[in-house]
Amino acid sequence: MGLPTVAMGLLGMFMSLPIAASLLVIPSFVTNVLQLFTGPSVMLIIRRLWLMMLLILAGTVAASSLLISINTAWSAFGLGVVLIVYAVFALISPSLTVSQAREKWMSPVIGGVTGVITGATGVFVMPAVPFLQSLRFRKDELVQALGLSFTVSTVALAAGLYLHDALRVEQISLSFMSILPALAGMWLGQKVRACISAMRFRQCFLLFLIVLGIELISRPFI
């Protein structure tokens, strides 16, 4: 989940968010599909989460106009808020459990909210990630569930950008070129993670997101 989250924040420092989101479509799709098919439970997870995914799709496409129409500084502000909220939540790591009865009505609500936030900021971690973690999937199932959510969000965001003429051929070409650096970054990240404790790696990653988020939310006031 680090690639689109970190990349949107970093690219947002140098270019508009619609262009940044367009550049990330292909590498995000490739890495998330790989994550989706890391285990045997794909169809079971799809049957369980299909309504949530449908609302993510609809919400993202509907809200993608916000990513394009809102002033650049304020769209960066929204992205910064999402990064900080996600990082603080992950650092606190509250233990949440959603019962099956609550899952039935919360799933579409979380999907819709995630879709709107994805469409407006290009980042699709909140509130989908905490919700999926609260469903108590097994470790490999959780990885696949996150991969499914991110894959659907990526496709929906690409569709929304295309419908609003914000996804052009030259951006798709650059997006394809981003696959190799993205995979190289994943490999390097695994090497770094092997040299330090998993907890320290996670803390550094989340603190970096907070610093990045603070820079982004300061944009409208500079």
C-alpha atoms as a PDB file:
ATOM      1  CA  MET A   1       0.000   0.000   0.000  1.00  0.00           C
ATOM      2  CA  GLY A   2       3.031   2.263   0.078  1.00  0.00           C
ATOM      3  CA  LEU A   3       3.374   2.886  -3.672  1.00  0.00           C
ATOM      4  CA  PRO A   4       0.277   4.988  -4.495  1.00  0.00           C
ATOM      5  CA  THR A   5       0.185   6.570  -1.041  1.00  0.00           C
ATOM      6  CA  VAL A   6       3.785   7.776  -0.996  1.00  0.00           C
ATOM      7  CA  ALA A   7       3.994   8.439  -4.729  1.00  0.00           C
ATOM      8  CA  MET A   8       0.901  10.678  -4.758  1.00  0.00           C
ATOM      9  CA  GLY A   9       2.335  12.658  -1.874  1.00  0.00           C
ATOM     10  CA  LEU A  10       5.777  13.050  -3.473  1.00  0.00           C
ATOM     11  CA  LEU A  11       4.518  13.758  -6.990  1.00  0.00           C
ATOM     12  CA  GLY A  12       1.987  16.191  -5.552  1.00  0.00           C
ATOM     13  CA  MET A  13       4.907  18.361  -4.457  1.00  0.00           C
ATOM     14  CA  PHE A  14       5.983  18.884  -8.068  1.00  0.00           C
ATOM     15  CA  MET A  15       2.890  18.572 -10.273  1.00  0.00           C
ATOM     16  CA  SER A  16      -0.901  18.724 -10.173  1.00  0.00           C
ATOM     17  CA  LEU A  17      -2.663  15.741  -8.592  1.00  0.00           C
ATOM     18  CA  PRO A  18      -4.556  14.704 -11.771  1.00  0.00           C
ATOM     19  CA  ILE A  19      -1.234  14.348 -13.640  1.00  0.00           C
ATOM     20  CA  ALA A  20       0.329  12.501 -10.691  1.00  0.00           C
ATOM     21  CA  ALA A  21      -2.650  10.124 -10.513  1.00  0.00           C
ATOM     22  CA  SER A  22      -2.435   9.495 -14.265  1.00  0.00           C
ATOM     23  CA  LEU A  23       1.245   8.583 -14.028  1.00  0.00           C
ATOM     24  CA  LEU A  24       0.518   6.059 -11.270  1.00  0.00           C
ATOM     25  CA  VAL A  25      -2.321   4.183 -13.000  1.00  0.00           C
ATOM     26  CA  ILE A  26      -0.258   1.409 -14.602  1.00  0.00           C
ATOM     27  CA  PRO A  27       2.341   0.766 -11.838  1.00  0.00           C
ATOM     28  CA  SER A  28      -0.415   0.826  -9.198  1.00  0.00           C
ATOM     29  CA  PHE A  29      -2.515  -1.596 -11.233  1.00  0.00           C
ATOM     30  CA  VAL A  30       0.387  -4.007 -11.800  1.00  0.00           C
ATOM     31  CA  THR A  31       1.573  -4.080  -8.173  1.00  0.00           C
ATOM     32  CA  ASN A  32      -1.967  -4.362  -6.801  1.00  0.00           C
ATOM     33  CA  VAL A  33      -2.955  -7.186  -9.155  1.00  0.00           C
ATOM     34  CA  LEU A  34       0.175  -9.048  -8.071  1.00  0.00           C
ATOM     35  CA  GLN A  35      -0.915  -8.517  -4.465  1.00  0.00           C
ATOM     36  CA  LEU A  36      -4.466  -9.682  -5.247  1.00  0.00           C
ATOM     37  CA  PHE A  37      -3.307 -13.023  -6.657  1.00  0.00           C
ATOM     38  CA  THR A  38      -0.820 -13.894  -3.903  1.00  0.00           C
ATOM     39  CA  GLY A  39      -3.144 -16.528  -2.430  1.00  0.00           C
ATOM     40  CA  PRO A  40      -5.985 -18.951  -3.200  1.00  0.00           C
ATOM     41  CA  SER A  41      -8.915 -16.974  -1.781  1.00  0.00           C
ATOM     42  CA  VAL A  42      -9.625 -14.526  -4.621  1.00  0.00           C
ATOM     43  CA  MET A  43     -13.191 -15.633  -5.426  1.00  0.00           C
ATOM     44  CA  LEU A  44     -14.181 -15.974  -1.775  1.00  0.00           C
ATOM     45  CA  ILE A  45     -12.990 -12.433  -1.075  1.00  0.00           C
ATOM     46  CA  ILE A  46     -14.727 -11.033  -4.160  1.00  0.00           C
ATOM     47  CA  ARG A  47     -18.025 -12.676  -3.135  1.00  0.00           C
ATOM     48  CA  ARG A  48     -17.676 -11.234   0.363  1.00  0.00           C
ATOM     49  CA  LEU A  49     -16.654  -7.696  -0.657  1.00  0.00           C
ATOM     50  CA  TRP A  50     -18.400  -7.192  -4.019  1.00  0.00           C
ATOM     51  CA  LEU A  51     -20.853  -4.566  -2.721  1.00  0.00           C
ATOM     52  CA  MET A  52     -18.054  -2.562  -1.098  1.00  0.00           C
ATOM     53  CA  MET A  53     -16.070  -2.734  -4.354  1.00  0.00           C
ATOM     54  CA  LEU A  54     -19.113  -1.602  -6.359  1.00  0.00           C
ATOM     55  CA  LEU A  55     -19.509   1.472  -4.139  1.00  0.00           C
ATOM     56  CA  ILE A  56     -15.762   2.218  -4.347  1.00  0.00           C
ATOM     57  CA  LEU A  57     -16.068   2.122  -8.128  1.00  0.00           C
ATOM     58  CA  ALA A  58     -19.134   4.381  -8.222  1.00  0.00           C
ATOM     59  CA  GLY A  59     -17.834   6.820  -5.597  1.00  0.00           C
ATOM     60  CA  THR A  60     -14.420   7.174  -7.218  1.00  0.00           C
ATOM     61  CA  VAL A  61     -15.773   7.814 -10.719  1.00  0.00           C
ATOM     62  CA  ALA A  62     -18.344  10.289  -9.386  1.00  0.00           C
ATOM     63  CA  ALA A  63     -15.844  12.204  -7.230  1.00  0.00           C
ATOM     64  CA  SER A  64     -12.950  12.206  -9.706  1.00  0.00           C
ATOM     65  CA  SER A  65     -14.173  15.561 -11.023  1.00  0.00           C
ATOM     66  CA  LEU A  66     -13.106  17.049  -7.668  1.00  0.00           C
ATOM     67  CA  LEU A  67      -9.499  16.028  -8.286  1.00  0.00           C
ATOM     68  CA  ILE A  68      -9.557  17.994 -11.530  1.00  0.00           C
ATOM     69  CA  SER A  69     -11.712  20.986 -10.658  1.00  0.00           C
ATOM     70  CA  ILE A  70     -10.476  21.940  -7.179  1.00  0.00           C
ATOM     71  CA  ASN A  71      -7.649  24.467  -6.874  1.00  0.00           C
ATOM     72  CA  THR A  72      -4.275  22.683  -6.870  1.00  0.00           C
ATOM     73  CA  ALA A  73      -3.245  23.971  -3.453  1.00  0.00           C
ATOM     74  CA  TRP A  74      -6.480  22.834  -1.834  1.00  0.00           C
ATOM     75  CA  SER A  75      -6.431  19.433  -3.500  1.00  0.00           C
ATOM     76  CA  ALA A  76      -2.900  19.019  -2.097  1.00  0.00           C
ATOM     77  CA  PHE A  77      -4.308  20.083   1.294  1.00  0.00           C
ATOM     78  CA  GLY A  78      -6.920  17.300   1.097  1.00  0.00           C
ATOM     79  CA  LEU A  79      -4.249  14.779   0.161  1.00  0.00           C
ATOM     80  CA  GLY A  80      -2.106  15.902   3.105  1.00  0.00           C
ATOM     81  CA  VAL A  81      -5.013  15.459   5.513  1.00  0.00           C
ATOM     82  CA  VAL A  82      -5.636  11.916   4.253  1.00  0.00           C
ATOM     83  CA  LEU A  83      -1.944  10.994   4.606  1.00  0.00           C
ATOM     84  CA  ILE A  84      -1.743  12.345   8.160  1.00  0.00           C
ATOM     85  CA  VAL A  85      -4.996  10.698   9.297  1.00  0.00           C
ATOM     86  CA  TYR A  86      -3.912   7.368   7.841  1.00  0.00           C
ATOM     87  CA  ALA A  87      -0.408   7.555   9.357  1.00  0.00           C
ATOM     88  CA  VAL A  88      -1.646   8.573  12.826  1.00  0.00           C
ATOM     89  CA  PHE A  89      -4.287   5.833  12.771  1.00  0.00           C
ATOM     90  CA  ALA A  90      -1.691   3.249  11.777  1.00  0.00           C
ATOM     91  CA  LEU A  91       0.746   4.418  14.469  1.00  0.00           C
ATOM     92  CA  ILE A  92      -1.940   4.170  17.161  1.00  0.00           C
ATOM     93  CA  SER A  93      -3.116   0.817  15.735  1.00  0.00           C
ATOM     94  CA  PRO A  94      -6.410   0.564  17.637  1.00  0.00           C
ATOM     95  CA  SER A  95      -7.794  -2.963  17.841  1.00  0.00           C
ATOM     96  CA  LEU A  96     -11.103  -2.892  15.969  1.00  0.00           C
ATOM     97  CA  THR A  97     -13.426  -5.767  15.160  1.00  0.00           C
ATOM     98  CA  VAL A  98     -16.524  -5.561  12.975  1.00  0.00           C
ATOM     99  CA  SER A  99     -19.155  -8.262  13.435  1.00  0.00           C
ATOM    100  CA  GLN A 100     -20.774  -9.979  10.443  1.00  0.00           C
ATOM    101  CA  ALA A 101     -24.060  -8.189  11.141  1.00  0.00           C
ATOM    102  CA  ARG A 102     -22.381  -4.778  11.070  1.00  0.00           C
ATOM    103  CA  GLU A 103     -20.225  -5.720   8.098  1.00  0.00           C
ATOM    104  CA  LYS A 104     -23.309  -6.071   5.891  1.00  0.00           C
ATOM    105  CA  TRP A 105     -24.355  -2.421   6.229  1.00  0.00           C
ATOM    106  CA  MET A 106     -20.923  -0.906   6.884  1.00  0.00           C
ATOM    107  CA  SER A 107     -19.334  -2.450   3.796  1.00  0.00           C
ATOM    108  CA  PRO A 108     -21.182  -0.284   1.210  1.00  0.00           C
ATOM    109  CA  VAL A 109     -20.850   2.823   3.400  1.00  0.00           C
ATOM    110  CA  ILE A 110     -17.086   2.366   3.735  1.00  0.00           C
ATOM    111  CA  GLY A 111     -16.885   1.658   0.011  1.00  0.00           C
ATOM    112  CA  GLY A 112     -18.714   4.860  -0.879  1.00  0.00           C
ATOM    113  CA  VAL A 113     -16.642   7.024   1.473  1.00  0.00           C
ATOM    114  CA  THR A 114     -13.399   5.445   0.236  1.00  0.00           C
ATOM    115  CA  GLY A 115     -14.505   6.089  -3.340  1.00  0.00           C
ATOM    116  CA  VAL A 116     -15.172   9.781  -2.705  1.00  0.00           C
ATOM    117  CA  ILE A 117     -11.810  10.234  -0.961  1.00  0.00           C
ATOM    118  CA  THR A 118     -10.058   8.334  -3.757  1.00  0.00           C
ATOM    119  CA  GLY A 119     -11.715  10.440  -6.428  1.00  0.00           C
ATOM    120  CA  ALA A 120     -10.825  13.683  -4.639  1.00  0.00           C
ATOM    121  CA  THR A 121      -7.224  12.880  -3.646  1.00  0.00           C
ATOM    122  CA  GLY A 122      -5.987   9.898  -5.686  1.00  0.00           C
ATOM    123  CA  VAL A 123      -5.192   7.953  -2.485  1.00  0.00           C
ATOM    124  CA  PHE A 124      -7.325   4.944  -1.555  1.00  0.00           C
ATOM    125  CA  VAL A 125      -6.256   3.851   1.927  1.00  0.00           C
ATOM    126  CA  MET A 126      -8.908   5.539   4.091  1.00  0.00           C
ATOM    127  CA  PRO A 127     -11.185   4.273   5.457  1.00  0.00           C
ATOM    128  CA  ALA A 128     -10.924   1.019   3.467  1.00  0.00           C
ATOM    129  CA  VAL A 129      -7.682  -0.231   5.044  1.00  0.00           C
ATOM    130  CA  PRO A 130      -8.789   0.040   8.721  1.00  0.00           C
ATOM    131  CA  PHE A 131     -12.156  -1.482   7.808  1.00  0.00           C
ATOM    132  CA  LEU A 132     -10.626  -4.480   6.029  1.00  0.00           C
ATOM    133  CA  GLN A 133      -8.214  -4.973   8.938  1.00  0.00           C
ATOM    134  CA  SER A 134     -11.181  -5.018  11.333  1.00  0.00           C
ATOM    135  CA  LEU A 135     -12.809  -7.936   9.475  1.00  0.00           C
ATOM    136  CA  ARG A 136     -10.204 -10.302  10.901  1.00  0.00           C
ATOM    137  CA  PHE A 137      -9.101 -11.918   7.673  1.00  0.00           C
ATOM    138  CA  ARG A 138      -6.213 -14.334   7.869  1.00  0.00           C
ATOM    139  CA  LYS A 139      -2.895 -12.747   6.940  1.00  0.00           C
ATOM    140  CA  ASP A 140      -2.857 -13.933   3.320  1.00  0.00           C
ATOM    141  CA  GLU A 141      -6.551 -13.130   2.905  1.00  0.00           C
ATOM    142  CA  LEU A 142      -6.010  -9.592   4.184  1.00  0.00           C
ATOM    143  CA  VAL A 143      -3.219  -9.063   1.650  1.00  0.00           C
ATOM    144  CA  GLN A 144      -5.569 -10.218  -1.113  1.00  0.00           C
ATOM    145  CA  ALA A 145      -8.495  -8.134   0.186  1.00  0.00           C
ATOM    146  CA  LEU A 146      -6.294  -5.024   0.190  1.00  0.00           C
ATOM    147  CA  GLY A 147      -5.076  -5.932  -3.295  1.00  0.00           C
ATOM    148  CA  LEU A 148      -8.689  -6.206  -4.492  1.00  0.00           C
ATOM    149  CA  SER A 149      -9.634  -2.852  -2.973  1.00  0.00           C
ATOM    150  CA  PHE A 150      -6.589  -1.099  -4.441  1.00  0.00           C
ATOM    151  CA  THR A 151      -7.068  -2.702  -7.861  1.00  0.00           C
ATOM    152  CA  VAL A 152     -10.710  -1.609  -8.066  1.00  0.00           C
ATOM    153  CA  SER A 153      -9.763   1.879  -6.849  1.00  0.00           C
ATOM    154  CA  THR A 154      -7.020   2.159  -9.461  1.00  0.00           C
ATOM    155  CA  VAL A 155      -9.319   1.089 -12.304  1.00  0.00           C
ATOM    156  CA  ALA A 156     -12.086   3.411 -11.071  1.00  0.00           C
ATOM    157  CA  LEU A 157      -9.696   6.364 -10.783  1.00  0.00           C
ATOM    158  CA  ALA A 158      -8.368   5.721 -14.300  1.00  0.00           C
ATOM    159  CA  ALA A 159     -11.942   5.602 -15.606  1.00  0.00           C
ATOM    160  CA  GLY A 160     -12.829   8.835 -13.817  1.00  0.00           C
ATOM    161  CA  LEU A 161      -9.759  10.632 -15.152  1.00  0.00           C
ATOM    162  CA  TYR A 162     -10.489   9.381 -18.666  1.00  0.00           C
ATOM    163  CA  LEU A 163     -14.117  10.525 -18.529  1.00  0.00           C
ATOM    164  CA  HIS A 164     -12.934  14.013 -17.551  1.00  0.00           C
ATOM    165  CA  ASP A 165     -10.242  14.143 -20.260  1.00  0.00           C
ATOM    166  CA  ALA A 166      -7.446  14.051 -17.670  1.00  0.00           C
ATOM    167  CA  LEU A 167      -5.886  10.773 -18.837  1.00  0.00           C
ATOM    168  CA  ARG A 168      -4.051  11.147 -22.143  1.00  0.00           C
ATOM    169  CA  VAL A 169      -1.994   8.815 -24.321  1.00  0.00           C
ATOM    170  CA  GLU A 170       1.344  10.401 -23.415  1.00  0.00           C
ATOM    171  CA  GLN A 171       0.578  10.017 -19.694  1.00  0.00           C
ATOM    172  CA  ILE A 172      -0.246   6.336 -20.201  1.00  0.00           C
ATOM    173  CA  SER A 173       3.126   5.880 -21.928  1.00  0.00           C
ATOM    174  CA  LEU A 174       4.913   7.514 -18.999  1.00  0.00           C
ATOM    175  CA  SER A 175       2.840   5.386 -16.647  1.00  0.00           C
ATOM    176  CA  PHE A 176       4.094   2.232 -18.380  1.00  0.00           C
ATOM    177  CA  MET A 177       7.655   3.520 -17.999  1.00  0.00           C
ATOM    178  CA  SER A 178       7.049   3.864 -14.252  1.00  0.00           C
ATOM    179  CA  ILE A 179       6.551   0.111 -13.802  1.00  0.00           C
ATOM    180  CA  LEU A 180      10.274  -0.740 -13.691  1.00  0.00           C
ATOM    181  CA  PRO A 181      11.164   1.989 -11.147  1.00  0.00           C
ATOM    182  CA  ALA A 182       8.177   0.890  -9.039  1.00  0.00           C
ATOM    183  CA  LEU A 183       9.280  -2.751  -9.052  1.00  0.00           C
ATOM    184  CA  ALA A 184      12.885  -1.694  -8.361  1.00  0.00           C
ATOM    185  CA  GLY A 185      11.631   0.356  -5.425  1.00  0.00           C
ATOM    186  CA  MET A 186       9.723  -2.643  -4.066  1.00  0.00           C
ATOM    187  CA  TRP A 187      12.898  -4.737  -4.293  1.00  0.00           C
ATOM    188  CA  LEU A 188      14.970  -2.041  -2.572  1.00  0.00           C
ATOM    189  CA  GLY A 189      12.345  -1.633   0.132  1.00  0.00           C
ATOM    190  CA  GLN A 190      12.498  -5.347   0.873  1.00  0.00           C
ATOM    191  CA  LYS A 191      16.293  -5.092   1.223  1.00  0.00           C
ATOM    192  CA  VAL A 192      16.014  -2.135   3.606  1.00  0.00           C
ATOM    193  CA  ARG A 193      13.305  -3.887   5.609  1.00  0.00           C
ATOM    194  CA  ALA A 194      15.582  -6.920   6.003  1.00  0.00           C
ATOM    195  CA  CYS A 195      18.234  -4.725   7.655  1.00  0.00           C
ATOM    196  CA  ILE A 196      16.023  -3.158  10.324  1.00  0.00           C
ATOM    197  CA  SER A 197      13.167  -4.397  12.476  1.00  0.00           C
ATOM    198  CA  ALA A 198       9.713  -4.534  10.916  1.00  0.00           C
ATOM    199  CA  MET A 199       8.380  -2.210  13.627  1.00  0.00           C
ATOM    200  CA  ARG A 200      11.128   0.386  13.008  1.00  0.00           C
ATOM    201  CA  PHE A 201      10.579   0.213   9.244  1.00  0.00           C
ATOM    202  CA  ARG A 202       6.848   0.756   9.733  1.00  0.00           C
ATOM    203  CA  GLN A 203       7.379   3.656  12.135  1.00  0.00           C
ATOM    204  CA  CYS A 204       9.788   5.395   9.752  1.00  0.00           C
ATOM    205  CA  PHE A 205       7.376   4.924   6.859  1.00  0.00           C
ATOM    206  CA  LEU A 206       4.420   6.369   8.785  1.00  0.00           C
ATOM    207  CA  LEU A 207       6.415   9.286  10.225  1.00  0.00           C
ATOM    208  CA  PHE A 208       7.558  10.098   6.688  1.00  0.00           C
ATOM    209  CA  LEU A 209       3.899  10.202   5.608  1.00  0.00           C
ATOM    210  CA  ILE A 210       3.120  12.642   8.425  1.00  0.00           C
ATOM    211  CA  VAL A 211       5.980  14.960   7.404  1.00  0.00           C
ATOM    212  CA  LEU A 212       4.868  14.738   3.782  1.00  0.00           C
ATOM    213  CA  GLY A 213       1.267  15.447   4.787  1.00  0.00           C
ATOM    214  CA  ILE A 214       2.293  18.526   6.799  1.00  0.00           C
ATOM    215  CA  GLU A 215       4.117  19.923   3.767  1.00  0.00           C
ATOM    216  CA  LEU A 216       1.055  19.371   1.576  1.00  0.00           C
ATOM    217  CA  ILE A 217      -1.461  20.950   3.960  1.00  0.00           C
ATOM    218  CA  SER A 218       0.717  24.053   4.232  1.00  0.00           C
ATOM    219  CA  ARG A 219       0.331  24.770   0.485  1.00  0.00           C
ATOM    220  CA  PRO A 220      -2.753  27.034   0.648  1.00  0.00           C
ATOM    221  CA  PHE A 221      -1.173  29.194   3.366  1.00  0.00           C
ATOM    222  CA  ILE A 222       2.233  29.827   1.774  1.00  0.00           C
END
